[in-house]
Amino acid sequence: MPETVSPNTELIGSKAVCVMLDIDRATLSRWVREGHIAYAYKSPEANGAYVFKLEVIEKFIADLQILAAAPPVDALPGLEVGR
């Protein structure tokens, strides 16, 4: 879903986001459709490109890094997963 954009918001295109996240465009498009990443706007063409707020992508990357650093759920004391 689109985000609100103010005049001084720094915007980046899909290609730059793919480079920052080291993913392909199909993955980025899927993540947008699934609601994992919010876009600022989309070009009106049928296969129009998404444009994103840089701050949203930077927060998404920071959140991914936090998740990657977290211990596996089954390694937490007192939790019995799938048993």
PDB file of N, CA and C in Angstrom:
ATOM      1  N   MET A   1       0.835  -1.168   0.000  1.00  0.00           N
ATOM      2  CA  MET A   1       0.000   0.000   0.000  1.00  0.00           C
ATOM      3  C   MET A   1       0.884   1.237   0.000  1.00  0.00           C
ATOM      4  N   PRO A   2       0.475   2.300  -0.692  1.00  0.00           N
ATOM      5  CA  PRO A   2       1.305   3.495  -0.790  1.00  0.00           C
ATOM      6  C   PRO A   2       1.434   4.226   0.542  1.00  0.00           C
ATOM      7  N   GLU A   3       2.558   4.863   0.707  1.00  0.00           N
ATOM      8  CA  GLU A   3       2.832   5.685   1.882  1.00  0.00           C
ATOM      9  C   GLU A   3       2.613   7.153   1.505  1.00  0.00           C
ATOM     10  N   THR A   4       2.427   8.018   2.491  1.00  0.00           N
ATOM     11  CA  THR A   4       2.319   9.454   2.251  1.00  0.00           C
ATOM     12  C   THR A   4       3.720  10.008   2.020  1.00  0.00           C
ATOM     13  N   VAL A   5       3.856  10.899   1.032  1.00  0.00           N
ATOM     14  CA  VAL A   5       5.165  11.438   0.680  1.00  0.00           C
ATOM     15  C   VAL A   5       5.151  12.952   0.840  1.00  0.00           C
ATOM     16  N   SER A   6       6.094  13.467   1.636  1.00  0.00           N
ATOM     17  CA  SER A   6       6.234  14.919   1.776  1.00  0.00           C
ATOM     18  C   SER A   6       7.247  15.409   0.739  1.00  0.00           C
ATOM     19  N   PRO A   7       7.263  16.712   0.444  1.00  0.00           N
ATOM     20  CA  PRO A   7       8.143  17.242  -0.605  1.00  0.00           C
ATOM     21  C   PRO A   7       9.633  16.993  -0.381  1.00  0.00           C
ATOM     22  N   ASN A   8      10.073  16.896   0.863  1.00  0.00           N
ATOM     23  CA  ASN A   8      11.505  16.714   1.112  1.00  0.00           C
ATOM     24  C   ASN A   8      11.871  15.251   1.419  1.00  0.00           C
ATOM     25  N   THR A   9      10.986  14.325   1.109  1.00  0.00           N
ATOM     26  CA  THR A   9      11.256  12.905   1.328  1.00  0.00           C
ATOM     27  C   THR A   9      12.200  12.392   0.248  1.00  0.00           C
ATOM     28  N   GLU A  10      13.234  11.664   0.654  1.00  0.00           N
ATOM     29  CA  GLU A  10      14.161  11.080  -0.306  1.00  0.00           C
ATOM     30  C   GLU A  10      13.567   9.787  -0.835  1.00  0.00           C
ATOM     31  N   LEU A  11      13.444   9.706  -2.161  1.00  0.00           N
ATOM     32  CA  LEU A  11      12.835   8.548  -2.810  1.00  0.00           C
ATOM     33  C   LEU A  11      13.886   7.763  -3.592  1.00  0.00           C
ATOM     34  N   ILE A  12      13.668   6.447  -3.680  1.00  0.00           N
ATOM     35  CA  ILE A  12      14.558   5.600  -4.476  1.00  0.00           C
ATOM     36  C   ILE A  12      13.711   4.621  -5.282  1.00  0.00           C
ATOM     37  N   GLY A  13      14.270   4.171  -6.383  1.00  0.00           N
ATOM     38  CA  GLY A  13      13.562   3.258  -7.264  1.00  0.00           C
ATOM     39  C   GLY A  13      13.776   1.800  -6.906  1.00  0.00           C
ATOM     40  N   SER A  14      13.036   0.968  -7.597  1.00  0.00           N
ATOM     41  CA  SER A  14      13.088  -0.474  -7.361  1.00  0.00           C
ATOM     42  C   SER A  14      14.487  -1.053  -7.546  1.00  0.00           C
ATOM     43  N   LYS A  15      15.178  -0.589  -8.576  1.00  0.00           N
ATOM     44  CA  LYS A  15      16.517  -1.115  -8.849  1.00  0.00           C
ATOM     45  C   LYS A  15      17.452  -0.877  -7.664  1.00  0.00           C
ATOM     46  N   ALA A  16      17.420   0.326  -7.101  1.00  0.00           N
ATOM     47  CA  ALA A  16      18.274   0.644  -5.954  1.00  0.00           C
ATOM     48  C   ALA A  16      17.894  -0.190  -4.731  1.00  0.00           C
ATOM     49  N   VAL A  17      16.592  -0.396  -4.526  1.00  0.00           N
ATOM     50  CA  VAL A  17      16.135  -1.213  -3.394  1.00  0.00           C
ATOM     51  C   VAL A  17      16.632  -2.645  -3.552  1.00  0.00           C
ATOM     52  N   CYS A  18      16.538  -3.178  -4.769  1.00  0.00           N
ATOM     53  CA  CYS A  18      17.009  -4.547  -5.026  1.00  0.00           C
ATOM     54  C   CYS A  18      18.500  -4.681  -4.724  1.00  0.00           C
ATOM     55  N   VAL A  19      19.272  -3.671  -5.077  1.00  0.00           N
ATOM     56  CA  VAL A  19      20.710  -3.697  -4.792  1.00  0.00           C
ATOM     57  C   VAL A  19      20.941  -3.650  -3.279  1.00  0.00           C
ATOM     58  N   MET A  20      20.235  -2.762  -2.593  1.00  0.00           N
ATOM     59  CA  MET A  20      20.406  -2.621  -1.141  1.00  0.00           C
ATOM     60  C   MET A  20      20.056  -3.910  -0.401  1.00  0.00           C
ATOM     61  N   LEU A  21      19.008  -4.607  -0.875  1.00  0.00           N
ATOM     62  CA  LEU A  21      18.544  -5.827  -0.204  1.00  0.00           C
ATOM     63  C   LEU A  21      19.156  -7.096  -0.792  1.00  0.00           C
ATOM     64  N   ASP A  22      19.888  -6.951  -1.895  1.00  0.00           N
ATOM     65  CA  ASP A  22      20.487  -8.086  -2.607  1.00  0.00           C
ATOM     66  C   ASP A  22      19.417  -9.116  -2.984  1.00  0.00           C
ATOM     67  N   ILE A  23      18.351  -8.603  -3.627  1.00  0.00           N
ATOM     68  CA  ILE A  23      17.252  -9.453  -4.094  1.00  0.00           C
ATOM     69  C   ILE A  23      16.952  -9.099  -5.543  1.00  0.00           C
ATOM     70  N   ASP A  24      16.165  -9.938  -6.212  1.00  0.00           N
ATOM     71  CA  ASP A  24      15.763  -9.604  -7.582  1.00  0.00           C
ATOM     72  C   ASP A  24      14.416  -8.882  -7.560  1.00  0.00           C
ATOM     73  N   ARG A  25      14.039  -8.342  -8.709  1.00  0.00           N
ATOM     74  CA  ARG A  25      12.801  -7.546  -8.781  1.00  0.00           C
ATOM     75  C   ARG A  25      11.558  -8.380  -8.499  1.00  0.00           C
ATOM     76  N   ALA A  26      11.577  -9.634  -8.879  1.00  0.00           N
ATOM     77  CA  ALA A  26      10.411 -10.487  -8.613  1.00  0.00           C
ATOM     78  C   ALA A  26      10.185 -10.620  -7.113  1.00  0.00           C
ATOM     79  N   THR A  27      11.264 -10.779  -6.359  1.00  0.00           N
ATOM     80  CA  THR A  27      11.153 -10.882  -4.901  1.00  0.00           C
ATOM     81  C   THR A  27      10.629  -9.569  -4.322  1.00  0.00           C
ATOM     82  N   LEU A  28      11.164  -8.453  -4.790  1.00  0.00           N
ATOM     83  CA  LEU A  28      10.707  -7.152  -4.306  1.00  0.00           C
ATOM     84  C   LEU A  28       9.219  -6.964  -4.595  1.00  0.00           C
ATOM     85  N   SER A  29       8.797  -7.285  -5.807  1.00  0.00           N
ATOM     86  CA  SER A  29       7.378  -7.145  -6.162  1.00  0.00           C
ATOM     87  C   SER A  29       6.500  -8.036  -5.287  1.00  0.00           C
ATOM     88  N   ARG A  30       6.959  -9.245  -5.021  1.00  0.00           N
ATOM     89  CA  ARG A  30       6.192 -10.157  -4.160  1.00  0.00           C
ATOM     90  C   ARG A  30       6.094  -9.604  -2.749  1.00  0.00           C
ATOM     91  N   TRP A  31       7.206  -9.097  -2.205  1.00  0.00           N
ATOM     92  CA  TRP A  31       7.196  -8.544  -0.854  1.00  0.00           C
ATOM     93  C   TRP A  31       6.257  -7.342  -0.763  1.00  0.00           C
ATOM     94  N   VAL A  32       6.200  -6.525  -1.823  1.00  0.00           N
ATOM     95  CA  VAL A  32       5.273  -5.391  -1.842  1.00  0.00           C
ATOM     96  C   VAL A  32       3.837  -5.907  -1.842  1.00  0.00           C
ATOM     97  N   ARG A  33       3.535  -6.867  -2.735  1.00  0.00           N
ATOM     98  CA  ARG A  33       2.169  -7.421  -2.811  1.00  0.00           C
ATOM     99  C   ARG A  33       1.748  -8.046  -1.483  1.00  0.00           C
ATOM    100  N   GLU A  34       2.696  -8.700  -0.795  1.00  0.00           N
ATOM    101  CA  GLU A  34       2.389  -9.365   0.479  1.00  0.00           C
ATOM    102  C   GLU A  34       2.357  -8.390   1.651  1.00  0.00           C
ATOM    103  N   GLY A  35       2.708  -7.128   1.414  1.00  0.00           N
ATOM    104  CA  GLY A  35       2.646  -6.110   2.458  1.00  0.00           C
ATOM    105  C   GLY A  35       3.865  -6.036   3.360  1.00  0.00           C
ATOM    106  N   HIS A  36       4.968  -6.658   2.964  1.00  0.00           N
ATOM    107  CA  HIS A  36       6.185  -6.620   3.787  1.00  0.00           C
ATOM    108  C   HIS A  36       6.918  -5.285   3.659  1.00  0.00           C
ATOM    109  N   ILE A  37       6.812  -4.654   2.484  1.00  0.00           N
ATOM    110  CA  ILE A  37       7.467  -3.368   2.235  1.00  0.00           C
ATOM    111  C   ILE A  37       6.426  -2.414   1.649  1.00  0.00           C
ATOM    112  N   ALA A  38       6.313  -1.230   2.246  1.00  0.00           N
ATOM    113  CA  ALA A  38       5.388  -0.209   1.738  1.00  0.00           C
ATOM    114  C   ALA A  38       6.091   0.632   0.675  1.00  0.00           C
ATOM    115  N   TYR A  39       5.377   0.970  -0.378  1.00  0.00           N
ATOM    116  CA  TYR A  39       5.934   1.813  -1.430  1.00  0.00           C
ATOM    117  C   TYR A  39       5.320   3.206  -1.353  1.00  0.00           C
ATOM    118  N   ALA A  40       6.032   4.194  -1.921  1.00  0.00           N
ATOM    119  CA  ALA A  40       5.545   5.568  -1.922  1.00  0.00           C
ATOM    120  C   ALA A  40       4.524   5.758  -3.042  1.00  0.00           C
ATOM    121  N   TYR A  41       4.843   5.268  -4.228  1.00  0.00           N
ATOM    122  CA  TYR A  41       3.884   5.272  -5.330  1.00  0.00           C
ATOM    123  C   TYR A  41       4.338   4.287  -6.403  1.00  0.00           C
ATOM    124  N   LYS A  42       3.445   4.031  -7.350  1.00  0.00           N
ATOM    125  CA  LYS A  42       3.724   3.097  -8.441  1.00  0.00           C
ATOM    126  C   LYS A  42       3.364   3.794  -9.734  1.00  0.00           C
ATOM    127  N   SER A  43       4.194   3.615 -10.750  1.00  0.00           N
ATOM    128  CA  SER A  43       3.897   4.170 -12.068  1.00  0.00           C
ATOM    129  C   SER A  43       2.593   3.572 -12.580  1.00  0.00           C
ATOM    130  N   PRO A  44       1.798   4.344 -13.298  1.00  0.00           N
ATOM    131  CA  PRO A  44       0.471   3.869 -13.709  1.00  0.00           C
ATOM    132  C   PRO A  44       0.460   2.780 -14.784  1.00  0.00           C
ATOM    133  N   GLU A  45       1.581   2.525 -15.447  1.00  0.00           N
ATOM    134  CA  GLU A  45       1.612   1.487 -16.474  1.00  0.00           C
ATOM    135  C   GLU A  45       1.300   0.129 -15.859  1.00  0.00           C
ATOM    136  N   ALA A  46       0.903  -0.818 -16.690  1.00  0.00           N
ATOM    137  CA  ALA A  46       0.553  -2.166 -16.214  1.00  0.00           C
ATOM    138  C   ALA A  46       1.694  -2.785 -15.407  1.00  0.00           C
ATOM    139  N   ASN A  47       2.914  -2.653 -15.896  1.00  0.00           N
ATOM    140  CA  ASN A  47       4.087  -3.171 -15.179  1.00  0.00           C
ATOM    141  C   ASN A  47       4.915  -2.024 -14.616  1.00  0.00           C
ATOM    142  N   GLY A  48       4.233  -0.990 -14.120  1.00  0.00           N
ATOM    143  CA  GLY A  48       4.906   0.206 -13.629  1.00  0.00           C
ATOM    144  C   GLY A  48       5.824  -0.070 -12.453  1.00  0.00           C
ATOM    145  N   ALA A  49       6.880   0.717 -12.383  1.00  0.00           N
ATOM    146  CA  ALA A  49       7.874   0.561 -11.325  1.00  0.00           C
ATOM    147  C   ALA A  49       7.377   1.150 -10.014  1.00  0.00           C
ATOM    148  N   TYR A  50       7.804   0.546  -8.932  1.00  0.00           N
ATOM    149  CA  TYR A  50       7.532   1.070  -7.601  1.00  0.00           C
ATOM    150  C   TYR A  50       8.609   2.084  -7.238  1.00  0.00           C
ATOM    151  N   VAL A  51       8.241   3.073  -6.448  1.00  0.00           N
ATOM    152  CA  VAL A  51       9.178   4.043  -5.885  1.00  0.00           C
ATOM    153  C   VAL A  51       8.983   3.994  -4.374  1.00  0.00           C
ATOM    154  N   PHE A  52      10.091   4.031  -3.644  1.00  0.00           N
ATOM    155  CA  PHE A  52      10.066   3.829  -2.206  1.00  0.00           C
ATOM    156  C   PHE A  52      10.702   5.002  -1.481  1.00  0.00           C
ATOM    157  N   LYS A  53      10.269   5.204  -0.220  1.00  0.00           N
ATOM    158  CA  LYS A  53      10.948   6.155   0.661  1.00  0.00           C
ATOM    159  C   LYS A  53      12.232   5.483   1.148  1.00  0.00           C
ATOM    160  N   LEU A  54      13.330   6.201   1.062  1.00  0.00           N
ATOM    161  CA  LEU A  54      14.604   5.658   1.525  1.00  0.00           C
ATOM    162  C   LEU A  54      14.528   5.275   3.002  1.00  0.00           C
ATOM    163  N   GLU A  55      13.879   6.100   3.823  1.00  0.00           N
ATOM    164  CA  GLU A  55      13.802   5.810   5.261  1.00  0.00           C
ATOM    165  C   GLU A  55      13.044   4.510   5.548  1.00  0.00           C
ATOM    166  N   VAL A  56      12.044   4.182   4.734  1.00  0.00           N
ATOM    167  CA  VAL A  56      11.291   2.936   4.919  1.00  0.00           C
ATOM    168  C   VAL A  56      12.186   1.735   4.613  1.00  0.00           C
ATOM    169  N   ILE A  57      12.970   1.841   3.546  1.00  0.00           N
ATOM    170  CA  ILE A  57      13.865   0.739   3.178  1.00  0.00           C
ATOM    171  C   ILE A  57      14.975   0.578   4.217  1.00  0.00           C
ATOM    172  N   GLU A  58      15.521   1.691   4.705  1.00  0.00           N
ATOM    173  CA  GLU A  58      16.560   1.605   5.739  1.00  0.00           C
ATOM    174  C   GLU A  58      16.015   0.965   7.014  1.00  0.00           C
ATOM    175  N   LYS A  59      14.784   1.278   7.392  1.00  0.00           N
ATOM    176  CA  LYS A  59      14.182   0.654   8.574  1.00  0.00           C
ATOM    177  C   LYS A  59      13.947  -0.834   8.325  1.00  0.00           C
ATOM    178  N   PHE A  60      13.504  -1.191   7.134  1.00  0.00           N
ATOM    179  CA  PHE A  60      13.294  -2.594   6.783  1.00  0.00           C
ATOM    180  C   PHE A  60      14.610  -3.369   6.912  1.00  0.00           C
ATOM    181  N   ILE A  61      15.696  -2.797   6.412  1.00  0.00           N
ATOM    182  CA  ILE A  61      17.015  -3.443   6.505  1.00  0.00           C
ATOM    183  C   ILE A  61      17.428  -3.589   7.963  1.00  0.00           C
ATOM    184  N   ALA A  62      17.223  -2.558   8.773  1.00  0.00           N
ATOM    185  CA  ALA A  62      17.563  -2.624  10.198  1.00  0.00           C
ATOM    186  C   ALA A  62      16.754  -3.715  10.895  1.00  0.00           C
ATOM    187  N   ASP A  63      15.471  -3.813  10.566  1.00  0.00           N
ATOM    188  CA  ASP A  63      14.627  -4.851  11.161  1.00  0.00           C
ATOM    189  C   ASP A  63      15.110  -6.244  10.760  1.00  0.00           C
ATOM    190  N   LEU A  64      15.522  -6.405   9.502  1.00  0.00           N
ATOM    191  CA  LEU A  64      16.051  -7.705   9.056  1.00  0.00           C
ATOM    192  C   LEU A  64      17.319  -8.067   9.824  1.00  0.00           C
ATOM    193  N   GLN A  65      18.164  -7.079  10.079  1.00  0.00           N
ATOM    194  CA  GLN A  65      19.404  -7.336  10.818  1.00  0.00           C
ATOM    195  C   GLN A  65      19.109  -7.745  12.254  1.00  0.00           C
ATOM    196  N   ILE A  66      18.096  -7.142  12.864  1.00  0.00           N
ATOM    197  CA  ILE A  66      17.703  -7.520  14.227  1.00  0.00           C
ATOM    198  C   ILE A  66      17.207  -8.959  14.240  1.00  0.00           C
ATOM    199  N   LEU A  67      16.370  -9.306  13.268  1.00  0.00           N
ATOM    200  CA  LEU A  67      15.859 -10.679  13.187  1.00  0.00           C
ATOM    201  C   LEU A  67      16.982 -11.686  12.968  1.00  0.00           C
ATOM    202  N   ALA A  68      17.930 -11.320  12.115  1.00  0.00           N
ATOM    203  CA  ALA A  68      19.042 -12.236  11.824  1.00  0.00           C
ATOM    204  C   ALA A  68      19.912 -12.460  13.054  1.00  0.00           C
ATOM    205  N   ALA A  69      20.001 -11.469  13.942  1.00  0.00           N
ATOM    206  CA  ALA A  69      20.837 -11.582  15.138  1.00  0.00           C
ATOM    207  C   ALA A  69      20.139 -12.295  16.283  1.00  0.00           C
ATOM    208  N   ALA A  70      18.832 -12.464  16.185  1.00  0.00           N
ATOM    209  CA  ALA A  70      18.065 -13.096  17.268  1.00  0.00           C
ATOM    210  C   ALA A  70      18.360 -14.596  17.327  1.00  0.00           C
ATOM    211  N   PRO A  71      18.347 -15.157  18.534  1.00  0.00           N
ATOM    212  CA  PRO A  71      18.570 -16.604  18.646  1.00  0.00           C
ATOM    213  C   PRO A  71      17.376 -17.369  18.082  1.00  0.00           C
ATOM    214  N   PRO A  72      17.589 -18.594  17.629  1.00  0.00           N
ATOM    215  CA  PRO A  72      16.465 -19.392  17.162  1.00  0.00           C
ATOM    216  C   PRO A  72      15.457 -19.586  18.294  1.00  0.00           C
ATOM    217  N   VAL A  73      14.186 -19.629  17.963  1.00  0.00           N
ATOM    218  CA  VAL A  73      13.132 -19.747  18.968  1.00  0.00           C
ATOM    219  C   VAL A  73      13.326 -20.992  19.821  1.00  0.00           C
ATOM    220  N   ASP A  74      13.722 -22.102  19.211  1.00  0.00           N
ATOM    221  CA  ASP A  74      13.868 -23.334  19.992  1.00  0.00           C
ATOM    222  C   ASP A  74      15.101 -23.318  20.898  1.00  0.00           C
ATOM    223  N   ALA A  75      15.918 -22.269  20.801  1.00  0.00           N
ATOM    224  CA  ALA A  75      17.072 -22.147  21.681  1.00  0.00           C
ATOM    225  C   ALA A  75      16.751 -21.341  22.936  1.00  0.00           C
ATOM    226  N   LEU A  76      15.554 -20.779  22.999  1.00  0.00           N
ATOM    227  CA  LEU A  76      15.170 -19.981  24.158  1.00  0.00           C
ATOM    228  C   LEU A  76      14.702 -20.902  25.286  1.00  0.00           C
ATOM    229  N   PRO A  77      15.174 -20.654  26.481  1.00  0.00           N
ATOM    230  CA  PRO A  77      14.785 -21.501  27.610  1.00  0.00           C
ATOM    231  C   PRO A  77      13.294 -21.428  27.892  1.00  0.00           C
ATOM    232  N   GLY A  78      12.713 -22.558  28.188  1.00  0.00           N
ATOM    233  CA  GLY A  78      11.310 -22.623  28.564  1.00  0.00           C
ATOM    234  C   GLY A  78      10.347 -22.762  27.410  1.00  0.00           C
ATOM    235  N   LEU A  79      10.854 -22.670  26.167  1.00  0.00           N
ATOM    236  CA  LEU A  79       9.979 -22.817  25.016  1.00  0.00           C
ATOM    237  C   LEU A  79      10.184 -24.194  24.396  1.00  0.00           C
ATOM    238  N   GLU A  80       9.109 -24.870  24.191  1.00  0.00           N
ATOM    239  CA  GLU A  80       9.170 -26.164  23.543  1.00  0.00           C
ATOM    240  C   GLU A  80       8.388 -26.038  22.247  1.00  0.00           C
ATOM    241  N   VAL A  81       9.098 -25.917  21.159  1.00  0.00           N
ATOM    242  CA  VAL A  81       8.482 -25.685  19.859  1.00  0.00           C
ATOM    243  C   VAL A  81       8.164 -27.007  19.180  1.00  0.00           C
ATOM    244  N   GLY A  82       6.930 -27.143  18.753  1.00  0.00           N
ATOM    245  CA  GLY A  82       6.533 -28.326  17.985  1.00  0.00           C
ATOM    246  C   GLY A  82       6.539 -29.628  18.748  1.00  0.00           C
ATOM    247  N   ARG A  83       6.382 -29.576  20.036  1.00  0.00           N
ATOM    248  CA  ARG A  83       6.399 -30.809  20.828  1.00  0.00           C
ATOM    249  C   ARG A  83       5.117 -30.985  21.571  1.00  0.00           C
TER     250      ARG A  83
END
